[in-house]
């Protein structure tokens, strides 16, 4: 067979890729994984009994919004990296914005607190379990996002896996906020950020293994 004939044969009956397929797969993954993460939180940890009061506190919305914003940024990153040859570009720097905001709030809180209060602001009462709980609640979304990416054609496998982990970390952090009693900015700036980074690292490690095609 001549080369031209082979090319014609391979190109015949090729169906165009649907441009919105990636977005639909990610949306489906979120629609399934988020309720599972919520159910895990309720079953394993329980809803914060003071949640109704917390809804009127600005720092609760900072805490919840941190995870929600990370998840929204990650959706864009996953959608970009799900396409072959597409890099994250400047969007990869966007997750730094909510992290820097938390750090600035933490610096202000520590600078204005009495020295004897700073340890409580940093460690709260749950520092030792916070990152672990966030990581556990991130698992359903990480699994769902990786499954969604496997239906597409990512070529930047480490970056795509890390983006899936960021999405999972954002969702896990937002869900954990509905249980967590902590509101101090220094606590959030350290332990929430660390908790959100765990699935990012796991996703980056798993990406080349589970997304290869």
Protein backbone atom coordinates (compact mmCIF):
# COMPACT_ATOMS: atom_id res chain seq x y z
CA UNK A 1 0.00 0.00 0.00
CA UNK A 2 1.33 3.43 -0.90
CA UNK A 3 1.76 6.07 1.80
CA UNK A 4 -0.96 8.28 0.29
CA UNK A 5 -3.40 5.36 0.26
CA UNK A 6 -2.58 4.55 3.89
CA UNK A 7 -3.19 8.16 4.94
CA UNK A 8 -6.49 8.21 3.05
CA UNK A 9 -7.53 4.96 4.71
CA UNK A 10 -6.70 6.23 8.22
CA UNK A 11 -8.47 9.54 7.63
CA UNK A 12 -11.64 7.94 6.29
CA UNK A 13 -14.66 7.90 8.62
CA UNK A 14 -12.91 9.96 11.29
CA UNK A 15 -15.48 11.62 13.52
CA UNK A 16 -14.82 15.18 14.75
CA UNK A 17 -14.06 15.58 18.45
CA UNK A 18 -16.85 17.30 20.32
CA UNK A 19 -15.33 20.48 21.80
CA UNK A 20 -17.55 20.42 24.89
CA UNK A 21 -17.02 16.77 25.71
CA UNK A 22 -14.39 17.55 28.32
CA UNK A 23 -16.60 20.07 30.09
CA UNK A 24 -19.48 17.61 30.25
CA UNK A 25 -17.24 14.85 31.63
CA UNK A 26 -15.87 17.14 34.35
CA UNK A 27 -19.37 18.37 35.23
CA UNK A 28 -20.58 14.78 35.50
CA UNK A 29 -17.62 13.87 37.71
CA UNK A 30 -18.39 16.79 40.03
CA UNK A 31 -22.10 16.01 40.08
CA UNK A 32 -21.36 12.49 41.28
CA UNK A 33 -18.32 13.08 43.49
CA UNK A 34 -19.49 16.13 45.45
CA UNK A 35 -22.52 14.42 47.04
CA UNK A 36 -20.31 11.44 47.87
CA UNK A 37 -17.82 13.75 49.60
CA UNK A 38 -20.67 15.41 51.50
CA UNK A 39 -22.02 12.03 52.58
CA UNK A 40 -18.54 10.98 53.75
CA UNK A 41 -18.22 14.17 55.77
CA UNK A 42 -21.59 13.66 57.45
CA UNK A 43 -20.95 9.97 58.17
CA UNK A 44 -17.33 10.21 59.32
CA UNK A 45 -17.19 13.67 60.90
CA UNK A 46 -20.66 15.15 61.20
CA UNK A 47 -21.96 18.58 60.27
CA UNK A 48 -20.82 21.43 62.45
CA UNK A 49 -23.63 21.88 65.02
CA UNK A 50 -22.95 25.64 65.00
CA UNK A 51 -23.07 25.91 61.21
CA UNK A 52 -26.15 28.16 61.24
CA UNK A 53 -24.29 30.68 63.41
CA UNK A 54 -21.16 30.36 61.30
CA UNK A 55 -23.07 31.36 58.17
CA UNK A 56 -23.20 34.89 59.52
CA UNK A 57 -19.44 35.09 60.09
CA UNK A 58 -17.20 36.50 57.31
CA UNK A 59 -14.35 34.09 58.13
CA UNK A 60 -16.60 31.11 57.48
CA UNK A 61 -17.13 32.36 53.93
CA UNK A 62 -13.40 32.97 53.56
CA UNK A 63 -12.83 29.36 54.65
CA UNK A 64 -15.53 27.90 52.41
CA UNK A 65 -14.69 30.26 49.55
CA UNK A 66 -11.04 29.22 49.58
CA UNK A 67 -11.98 25.67 48.61
CA UNK A 68 -14.71 26.77 46.21
CA UNK A 69 -12.37 29.15 44.35
CA UNK A 70 -9.66 26.50 44.11
CA UNK A 71 -12.22 24.12 42.62
CA UNK A 72 -13.41 26.69 40.06
CA UNK A 73 -9.85 27.44 38.96
CA UNK A 74 -9.14 23.72 38.75
CA UNK A 75 -12.14 23.16 36.48
CA UNK A 76 -10.55 25.54 33.96
CA UNK A 77 -7.16 23.85 34.32
CA UNK A 78 -8.59 20.34 33.91
CA UNK A 79 -10.62 21.42 30.87
CA UNK A 80 -7.51 22.89 29.21
CA UNK A 81 -5.21 20.00 30.05
CA UNK A 82 -7.75 17.42 28.88
CA UNK A 83 -6.99 18.40 25.29
CA UNK A 84 -3.91 17.04 23.50
CA UNK A 85 -0.99 19.42 23.31
CA UNK A 86 -2.66 22.15 25.37
CA UNK A 87 -0.71 23.56 28.29
CA UNK A 88 -2.07 25.25 31.39
CA UNK A 89 -0.54 28.60 30.45
CA UNK A 90 -0.95 31.53 32.83
CA UNK A 91 -3.96 29.85 34.43
CA UNK A 92 -1.58 27.60 36.39
CA UNK A 93 -0.66 30.64 38.52
CA UNK A 94 -4.28 31.40 39.42
CA UNK A 95 -4.41 29.02 42.44
CA UNK A 96 -1.78 31.20 44.11
CA UNK A 97 -4.30 34.06 44.45
CA UNK A 98 -6.54 32.49 47.14
CA UNK A 99 -3.47 31.08 48.92
CA UNK A 100 -1.78 34.49 49.03
CA UNK A 101 -5.01 36.07 50.28
CA UNK A 102 -5.14 33.58 53.15
CA UNK A 103 -1.48 34.20 53.98
CA UNK A 104 -2.02 37.97 54.06
CA UNK A 105 -5.00 37.54 56.40
CA UNK A 106 -2.87 35.24 58.56
CA UNK A 107 -0.04 37.76 58.77
CA UNK A 108 -2.45 40.51 59.82
CA UNK A 109 -4.09 38.25 62.41
CA UNK A 110 -0.75 37.21 63.91
CA UNK A 111 0.64 40.75 63.86
CA UNK A 112 -2.35 42.13 65.75
CA UNK A 113 -2.71 39.25 68.24
CA UNK A 114 -1.16 39.10 71.66
CA UNK A 115 1.93 36.84 71.75
CA UNK A 116 0.22 34.30 73.98
CA UNK A 117 -2.67 33.98 71.52
CA UNK A 118 -0.62 33.22 68.43
CA UNK A 119 -0.16 29.53 69.12
CA UNK A 120 -3.94 29.06 69.37
CA UNK A 121 -4.45 30.96 66.12
CA UNK A 122 -2.00 28.67 64.34
CA UNK A 123 -2.88 25.28 65.81
CA UNK A 124 -6.49 25.70 66.92
CA UNK A 125 -7.88 22.48 68.31
CA UNK A 126 -7.74 20.28 65.21
CA UNK A 127 -4.49 20.96 63.36
CA UNK A 128 -3.39 17.32 63.56
CA UNK A 129 -6.48 15.97 61.77
CA UNK A 130 -7.38 18.83 59.43
CA UNK A 131 -5.09 17.97 56.45
CA UNK A 132 -5.90 14.25 56.77
CA UNK A 133 -9.64 14.88 56.79
CA UNK A 134 -9.43 17.18 53.77
CA UNK A 135 -7.38 14.56 51.91
CA UNK A 136 -9.94 11.85 52.71
CA UNK A 137 -12.86 14.01 51.56
CA UNK A 138 -10.93 14.77 48.35
CA UNK A 139 -10.77 11.12 47.28
CA UNK A 140 -14.19 10.89 45.52
CA UNK A 141 -13.49 13.97 43.40
CA UNK A 142 -9.94 12.86 42.57
CA UNK A 143 -11.23 9.48 41.38
CA UNK A 144 -14.02 11.11 39.39
CA UNK A 145 -11.73 13.70 37.79
CA UNK A 146 -9.16 11.09 36.78
CA UNK A 147 -11.91 8.91 35.27
CA UNK A 148 -13.19 11.94 33.35
CA UNK A 149 -9.69 12.71 32.07
CA UNK A 150 -9.29 9.12 30.89
CA UNK A 151 -12.23 9.66 28.51
CA UNK A 152 -10.30 12.54 26.92
CA UNK A 153 -6.79 12.90 25.52
CA UNK A 154 -4.43 14.72 27.89
CA UNK A 155 -0.78 14.76 26.92
CA UNK A 156 0.62 16.73 29.89
CA UNK A 157 -0.02 13.84 32.25
CA UNK A 158 1.68 15.14 35.40
CA UNK A 159 0.03 18.55 35.03
CA UNK A 160 -3.36 17.02 34.24
CA UNK A 161 -3.13 14.75 37.28
CA UNK A 162 -2.14 17.69 39.47
CA UNK A 163 -5.09 19.72 38.13
CA UNK A 164 -7.42 16.84 38.96
CA UNK A 165 -5.88 16.82 42.44
CA UNK A 166 -6.43 20.57 42.77
CA UNK A 167 -10.07 20.11 41.85
CA UNK A 168 -10.34 17.36 44.44
CA UNK A 169 -8.56 19.46 47.06
CA UNK A 170 -10.87 22.39 46.42
CA UNK A 171 -13.99 20.31 46.76
CA UNK A 172 -12.62 18.44 49.78
CA UNK A 173 -11.69 21.72 51.49
CA UNK A 174 -15.09 23.32 50.85
CA UNK A 175 -16.90 20.23 52.12
CA UNK A 176 -14.68 20.00 55.21
CA UNK A 177 -15.49 23.65 56.00
CA UNK A 178 -19.05 22.53 56.79
CA UNK A 179 -17.66 20.44 59.64
CA UNK A 180 -14.56 22.31 60.80
CA UNK A 181 -14.98 24.66 63.80
CA UNK A 182 -11.79 26.63 63.05
CA UNK A 183 -12.05 30.21 61.78
CA UNK A 184 -8.61 31.69 62.47
CA UNK A 185 -6.80 32.84 59.33
CA UNK A 186 -3.38 31.47 60.44
CA UNK A 187 -4.92 28.04 60.96
CA UNK A 188 -6.51 28.10 57.51
CA UNK A 189 -3.37 29.47 55.85
CA UNK A 190 -1.33 26.51 57.06
CA UNK A 191 -3.52 23.46 57.52
CA UNK A 192 -6.17 24.08 54.87
CA UNK A 193 -3.50 24.85 52.28
CA UNK A 194 -1.57 21.73 53.28
CA UNK A 195 -4.74 19.63 53.10
CA UNK A 196 -5.53 20.94 49.62
CA UNK A 197 -1.97 20.21 48.45
CA UNK A 198 -2.10 16.52 49.40
CA UNK A 199 -4.44 15.50 46.53
CA UNK A 200 -2.47 17.76 44.16
CA UNK A 201 0.66 15.74 44.92
CA UNK A 202 -1.23 12.43 44.67
CA UNK A 203 -2.79 13.47 41.36
CA UNK A 204 0.60 14.47 39.94
CA UNK A 205 2.00 11.06 40.89
CA UNK A 206 -0.99 9.15 39.51
CA UNK A 207 -1.32 11.15 36.29
CA UNK A 208 1.42 9.42 34.27
CA UNK A 209 0.20 6.01 35.46
CA UNK A 210 -3.56 6.25 34.98
CA UNK A 211 -3.87 8.82 32.17
CA UNK A 212 -1.44 7.24 29.70
CA UNK A 213 -3.12 6.43 26.37
